[in-house]
Protein backbone atom coordinates (compact mmCIF):
# COMPACT_ATOMS: atom_id res chain seq x y z
CA MET A 1 115.31 103.46 92.92
CA THR A 2 111.93 103.69 94.62
CA ASP A 3 109.58 106.64 94.27
CA THR A 4 108.93 106.69 98.02
CA GLN A 5 110.07 109.86 99.77
CA LEU A 6 110.55 110.91 103.38
CA TYR A 7 108.20 113.21 105.24
CA LEU A 8 109.87 114.40 108.45
CA ILE A 9 107.75 115.17 111.51
CA SER A 10 109.25 117.43 114.15
CA PRO A 11 109.83 116.33 117.72
CA LEU A 12 107.70 118.22 120.24
CA ASP A 13 110.75 120.23 121.33
CA VAL A 14 111.93 122.31 118.38
CA GLY A 15 113.96 124.84 120.37
CA GLY A 16 117.67 124.81 121.18
CA ASP A 17 119.81 123.37 118.40
CA PHE A 18 116.86 121.84 116.51
CA PRO A 19 117.08 124.29 113.57
CA GLN A 20 120.67 123.17 112.96
CA ARG A 21 119.62 119.52 113.20
CA LEU A 22 116.84 120.09 110.69
CA ASP A 23 119.26 121.75 108.30
CA ARG A 24 121.67 118.81 108.58
CA ALA A 25 118.86 116.32 107.98
CA LEU A 26 117.67 118.16 104.87
CA VAL A 27 121.20 118.36 103.48
CA ALA A 28 121.61 114.61 104.05
CA GLY A 29 118.16 113.93 102.60
CA LYS A 30 118.48 116.01 99.45
CA ASP A 31 116.06 114.54 96.86
CA LEU A 32 114.70 112.14 99.51
CA VAL A 33 113.02 114.45 102.04
CA THR A 34 110.23 116.45 100.41
CA ALA A 35 108.10 117.60 103.36
CA PHE A 36 108.46 118.62 107.01
CA GLN A 37 105.61 118.77 109.50
CA PHE A 38 105.76 121.27 112.35
CA ARG A 39 104.12 119.52 115.30
CA VAL A 40 104.01 121.18 118.71
CA LYS A 41 101.40 120.80 121.44
CA ASP A 42 99.90 122.99 124.18
CA MET A 43 101.41 126.23 122.97
CA ASP A 44 99.80 129.52 122.06
CA GLN A 45 99.88 130.54 118.43
CA HIS A 46 102.28 133.43 118.96
CA GLU A 47 104.86 131.20 120.65
CA ALA A 48 104.38 128.45 118.06
CA ALA A 49 104.84 130.94 115.22
CA ALA A 50 108.10 132.22 116.71
CA LEU A 51 109.46 128.66 116.83
CA ALA A 52 108.16 127.83 113.38
CA GLU A 53 109.63 130.75 111.45
CA PRO A 54 113.32 129.72 111.45
CA LEU A 55 112.34 126.14 110.58
CA GLN A 56 110.11 127.37 107.77
CA ALA A 57 113.02 129.38 106.35
CA ILE A 58 115.28 126.31 106.43
CA CYS A 59 112.65 124.25 104.61
CA ALA A 60 112.24 126.96 102.00
CA ALA A 61 115.99 127.06 101.42
CA HIS A 62 115.95 123.31 100.71
CA ASP A 63 112.73 123.39 98.66
CA VAL A 64 110.95 121.21 101.23
CA ALA A 65 107.24 121.71 101.91
CA PHE A 66 106.49 123.14 105.36
CA ILE A 67 103.29 121.62 106.77
CA VAL A 68 101.63 122.64 110.05
CA ASN A 69 100.06 119.93 112.19
CA ASP A 70 96.44 120.37 113.37
CA SER A 71 96.09 124.16 113.15
CA VAL A 72 94.61 125.79 110.07
CA ALA A 73 94.89 129.17 111.83
CA LEU A 74 98.64 128.77 112.42
CA ALA A 75 99.17 127.51 108.87
CA LYS A 76 97.38 130.60 107.56
CA ARG A 77 99.35 132.94 109.82
CA LEU A 78 102.66 131.46 108.66
CA LYS A 79 101.58 131.18 105.01
CA ALA A 80 102.71 127.57 105.35
CA ASP A 81 102.67 125.19 102.39
CA GLY A 82 99.88 123.21 103.99
CA VAL A 83 98.21 121.66 107.01
CA HIS A 84 97.85 118.12 108.33
CA LEU A 85 94.45 117.41 109.89
CA GLY A 86 93.58 114.70 112.38
CA GLN A 87 90.03 113.37 112.33
CA ASP A 88 89.05 115.99 114.96
CA ASP A 89 90.90 118.95 113.44
CA GLY A 90 88.35 120.16 110.94
CA ASP A 91 87.11 119.63 107.43
CA PRO A 92 89.49 119.59 104.44
CA LYS A 93 86.99 121.69 102.47
CA GLU A 94 87.00 124.42 105.12
CA ALA A 95 90.80 124.25 105.35
CA ARG A 96 90.93 124.71 101.57
CA GLU A 97 88.73 127.80 101.80
CA GLU A 98 91.00 129.25 104.50
CA LEU A 99 94.36 128.37 102.93
CA GLY A 100 93.69 128.57 99.21
CA ARG A 101 93.85 126.13 96.37
CA ASP A 102 97.63 125.71 96.41
CA ALA A 103 97.81 124.52 100.03
CA GLN A 104 98.73 120.89 100.67
CA ILE A 105 96.05 119.38 102.90
CA GLY A 106 96.61 115.98 104.44
CA VAL A 107 94.26 113.91 106.57
CA THR A 108 94.93 111.18 109.14
CA CYS A 109 92.82 108.13 108.27
CA HIS A 110 94.18 105.54 110.76
CA ALA A 111 93.45 102.11 109.21
CA SER A 112 90.16 103.11 107.57
CA ARG A 113 89.47 102.80 103.86
CA HIS A 114 86.20 104.66 104.44
CA LEU A 115 87.87 107.68 106.13
CA ALA A 116 90.48 107.80 103.38
CA MET A 117 87.87 107.82 100.62
CA GLU A 118 85.92 110.52 102.47
CA ALA A 119 89.09 112.62 102.77
CA GLY A 120 89.77 112.21 99.07
CA GLU A 121 86.25 113.29 98.19
CA ALA A 122 86.63 116.33 100.47
CA GLY A 123 89.67 117.42 98.48
CA ALA A 124 92.62 116.16 100.54
CA ASP A 125 95.96 116.25 98.74
CA TYR A 126 97.16 113.16 100.59
CA VAL A 127 95.86 110.60 103.06
CA ALA A 128 97.89 109.18 105.95
CA PHE A 129 97.49 105.64 107.28
CA GLY A 130 98.95 104.66 110.63
CA ALA A 131 100.25 103.89 113.11
CA PHE A 132 101.88 100.92 111.42
CA PHE A 133 104.14 100.19 114.40
CA GLU A 134 104.44 101.18 118.04
CA SER A 135 105.00 104.92 118.08
CA SER A 136 105.68 107.61 120.65
CA THR A 137 103.99 110.32 118.56
CA LYS A 138 100.77 108.39 117.91
CA ASP A 139 98.33 107.52 120.68
CA LYS A 140 98.69 103.88 121.59
CA GLY A 141 95.04 103.02 122.23
CA ASP A 142 93.54 99.86 120.85
CA ALA A 143 93.34 101.33 117.39
CA GLU A 144 93.48 98.89 114.56
CA ARG A 145 96.88 98.75 112.89
CA PRO A 146 96.95 99.19 109.13
CA THR A 147 98.96 96.75 107.02
CA PRO A 148 101.08 97.18 103.88
CA GLU A 149 98.15 95.59 101.99
CA LEU A 150 96.06 98.67 102.76
CA ILE A 151 98.65 100.86 101.01
CA ALA A 152 98.83 98.48 98.06
CA TRP A 153 95.01 98.57 97.74
CA TRP A 154 94.95 102.38 97.88
CA VAL A 155 97.63 102.98 95.27
CA GLN A 156 95.99 100.58 92.81
CA ILE A 157 92.69 102.46 92.94
CA PHE A 158 93.38 106.10 93.79
CA GLU A 159 95.64 108.82 92.44
CA ILE A 160 95.85 110.69 95.75
CA PRO A 161 99.26 110.16 97.41
CA VAL A 162 99.42 108.01 100.54
CA VAL A 163 101.60 108.56 103.60
CA ALA A 164 102.55 105.76 105.99
CA ILE A 165 103.10 106.90 109.57
CA GLY A 166 103.81 105.54 113.02
CA GLY A 167 106.94 103.96 114.42
CA ILE A 168 108.64 103.62 111.03
CA THR A 169 112.39 102.93 111.13
CA PRO A 170 115.03 101.94 108.57
CA ALA A 171 114.69 98.37 109.88
CA ASN A 172 110.95 98.02 109.27
CA CYS A 173 110.19 100.36 106.37
CA LYS A 174 110.86 98.01 103.43
CA PRO A 175 107.36 96.40 103.22
CA LEU A 176 105.76 99.86 103.16
CA VAL A 177 108.05 101.00 100.37
CA GLU A 178 107.35 97.80 98.42
CA ALA A 179 103.59 98.28 98.91
CA GLY A 180 103.87 101.61 97.11
CA ALA A 181 103.71 104.24 99.87
CA ASP A 182 104.38 107.67 98.37
CA PHE A 183 105.80 108.97 101.66
CA LEU A 184 107.12 107.55 104.90
CA ALA A 185 106.41 109.95 107.76
CA VAL A 186 109.16 109.60 110.35
CA SER A 187 109.99 111.34 113.60
CA GLY A 188 111.58 109.38 116.44
CA ALA A 189 113.68 107.25 114.09
CA VAL A 190 115.44 110.41 112.92
CA TRP A 191 115.45 112.76 115.91
CA SER A 192 116.17 110.30 118.73
CA GLY A 193 119.73 109.78 117.47
CA ASP A 194 122.08 111.07 114.79
CA GLU A 195 119.75 112.57 112.20
CA VAL A 196 122.26 112.31 109.32
CA ALA A 197 122.99 108.62 110.00
CA ALA A 198 119.24 107.94 110.23
CA ILE A 199 118.47 109.64 106.91
CA GLU A 200 121.31 107.70 105.25
CA ALA A 201 119.99 104.44 106.73
CA PHE A 202 116.52 105.17 105.34
CA ALA A 203 118.00 106.02 101.94
CA LYS A 204 119.75 102.65 101.83
CA GLN A 205 116.52 100.76 102.56
CA MET A 206 114.45 102.82 100.13
CA GLN A 207 116.59 102.25 97.03
């Protein structure tokens, strides 16, 4: 059995029956899913908080960390377990001051060893490399794609956990697991179809 775990990222639409879908996914992913990232765009904080609260309660019931994407202010308002910062979303040190020492702070580092080391020095609890594959949640751009070798290099040298993100599916995740990724961050592969079947398919590949 691998030590790699799943880190679910929400779709942009978390209304409707999404709370039930999240609950089903966490039941199916017991012991495999350890974190959930709440990721919505172009929404005021009050509206975002109203959508987040039921999802946060579901995560708490399953002992899954509830992480807010981009917004330290929303994470603080919700008393979330942590925040995930893009390169333009602020400094991990400032986020730590706002959210306290127990908060989980993650930083997007694209394919950059330098950015990852900077994030580690600034006190990040995990670094995220990606996008590894074509992804609807990550900007396409001409950004350099990281490779499994980057993960292998990181885990040999650093203690800070590493998250692989971007277009990861049950069909392509094996090299990332074998390279030593601590977490696979997945969104479309789970939410674009039957979430329970997707979690089970990941579990099979991650054994």
